[in-house]
Amino acid sequence: MPWASNIGDSLDSLVEYLVDNNVEGIHPLIMGEVEKRLIIKVLERNRGNKLRAARSLGLSRNTFHRKILKLKESCTLFDSEPDS
């Protein structure tokens, strides 16, 4: 998989940047963003079919459903914040 080294190199650069800039909470930041993008992209590629999307990610339908609900909840919380 030639693209795997590109992903690793990109992650290395991102982590180095975040550490150099004293960003705290790097793990949840990166993992949350990766999971969100995975869910969205796989749902798009499977035309909204949650069962096929879950299978392609190696997740059970129930686990995938919980992750979607959590993602929707975080988006709702973000959207409801007052403007400064």
Protein backbone atom coordinates (compact mmCIF):
# COMPACT_ATOMS: atom_id res chain seq x y z
CA MET A 1 0.00 0.00 0.00
CA PRO A 2 2.04 2.95 -1.24
CA TRP A 3 -0.44 5.50 0.14
CA ALA A 4 0.10 4.25 3.70
CA SER A 5 3.52 5.92 3.92
CA ASN A 6 1.97 9.20 2.70
CA ILE A 7 -0.60 9.05 5.50
CA GLY A 8 2.13 8.29 8.03
CA ASP A 9 4.29 11.15 6.76
CA SER A 10 1.35 13.55 6.93
CA LEU A 11 0.52 12.48 10.47
CA ASP A 12 4.17 12.83 11.50
CA SER A 13 4.24 16.39 10.17
CA LEU A 14 0.96 17.26 11.86
CA VAL A 15 2.06 15.86 15.23
CA GLU A 16 5.40 17.66 15.01
CA TYR A 17 3.59 20.93 14.25
CA LEU A 18 1.15 20.49 17.14
CA VAL A 19 3.89 19.55 19.61
CA ASP A 20 6.14 22.42 18.46
CA ASN A 21 3.24 24.82 19.06
CA ASN A 22 2.45 23.42 22.52
CA VAL A 23 -1.04 22.30 21.55
CA GLU A 24 -2.62 20.23 24.32
CA GLY A 25 -5.08 17.39 23.80
CA ILE A 26 -3.52 16.20 20.56
CA HIS A 27 -4.89 12.64 20.78
CA PRO A 28 -8.61 13.49 20.95
CA LEU A 29 -8.12 16.26 18.42
CA ILE A 30 -6.56 14.02 15.77
CA MET A 31 -8.59 10.89 16.50
CA GLY A 32 -11.88 12.78 16.52
CA GLU A 33 -11.15 14.44 13.21
CA VAL A 34 -10.00 11.20 11.58
CA GLU A 35 -13.07 9.30 12.77
CA LYS A 36 -15.42 12.07 11.64
CA ARG A 37 -13.90 12.19 8.17
CA LEU A 38 -13.91 8.39 7.88
CA ILE A 39 -17.59 8.17 8.76
CA ILE A 40 -18.62 10.96 6.40
CA LYS A 41 -16.53 9.73 3.47
CA VAL A 42 -17.57 6.08 3.84
CA LEU A 43 -21.24 7.04 4.10
CA GLU A 44 -20.89 9.16 0.96
CA ARG A 45 -19.17 6.34 -0.94
CA ASN A 46 -21.91 3.91 0.13
CA ARG A 47 -24.67 6.39 -0.77
CA GLY A 48 -25.90 6.60 2.81
CA ASN A 49 -26.18 2.84 3.30
CA LYS A 50 -25.14 2.49 6.94
CA LEU A 51 -24.80 -1.29 6.93
CA ARG A 52 -22.43 -1.29 3.95
CA ALA A 53 -20.50 1.64 5.42
CA ALA A 54 -20.15 -0.15 8.76
CA ARG A 55 -18.92 -3.30 7.05
CA SER A 56 -16.33 -1.42 5.02
CA LEU A 57 -14.98 0.09 8.26
CA GLY A 58 -15.00 -3.28 10.02
CA LEU A 59 -17.61 -2.16 12.55
CA SER A 60 -20.89 -3.66 13.62
CA ARG A 61 -24.03 -1.84 12.54
CA ASN A 62 -24.79 -0.90 16.15
CA THR A 63 -21.32 0.49 16.82
CA PHE A 64 -21.44 2.48 13.58
CA HIS A 65 -24.89 3.82 14.50
CA ARG A 66 -23.60 4.97 17.92
CA LYS A 67 -20.66 6.72 16.28
CA ILE A 68 -23.01 8.54 13.89
CA LEU A 69 -25.20 9.66 16.80
CA LYS A 70 -22.14 10.90 18.68
CA LEU A 71 -20.98 12.78 15.59
CA LYS A 72 -24.41 14.36 15.10
CA GLU A 73 -24.48 15.35 18.78
CA SER A 74 -21.09 17.04 18.58
CA CYS A 75 -22.16 18.92 15.45
CA THR A 76 -25.37 20.03 17.16
CA LEU A 77 -23.44 21.25 20.20
CA PHE A 78 -21.04 23.14 17.95
CA ASP A 79 -23.88 24.72 15.94
CA SER A 80 -25.70 25.87 19.09
CA GLU A 81 -22.77 27.88 20.51
CA PRO A 82 -23.49 31.62 20.63
CA ASP A 83 -21.52 33.87 18.32
CA SER A 84 -18.94 36.10 19.97
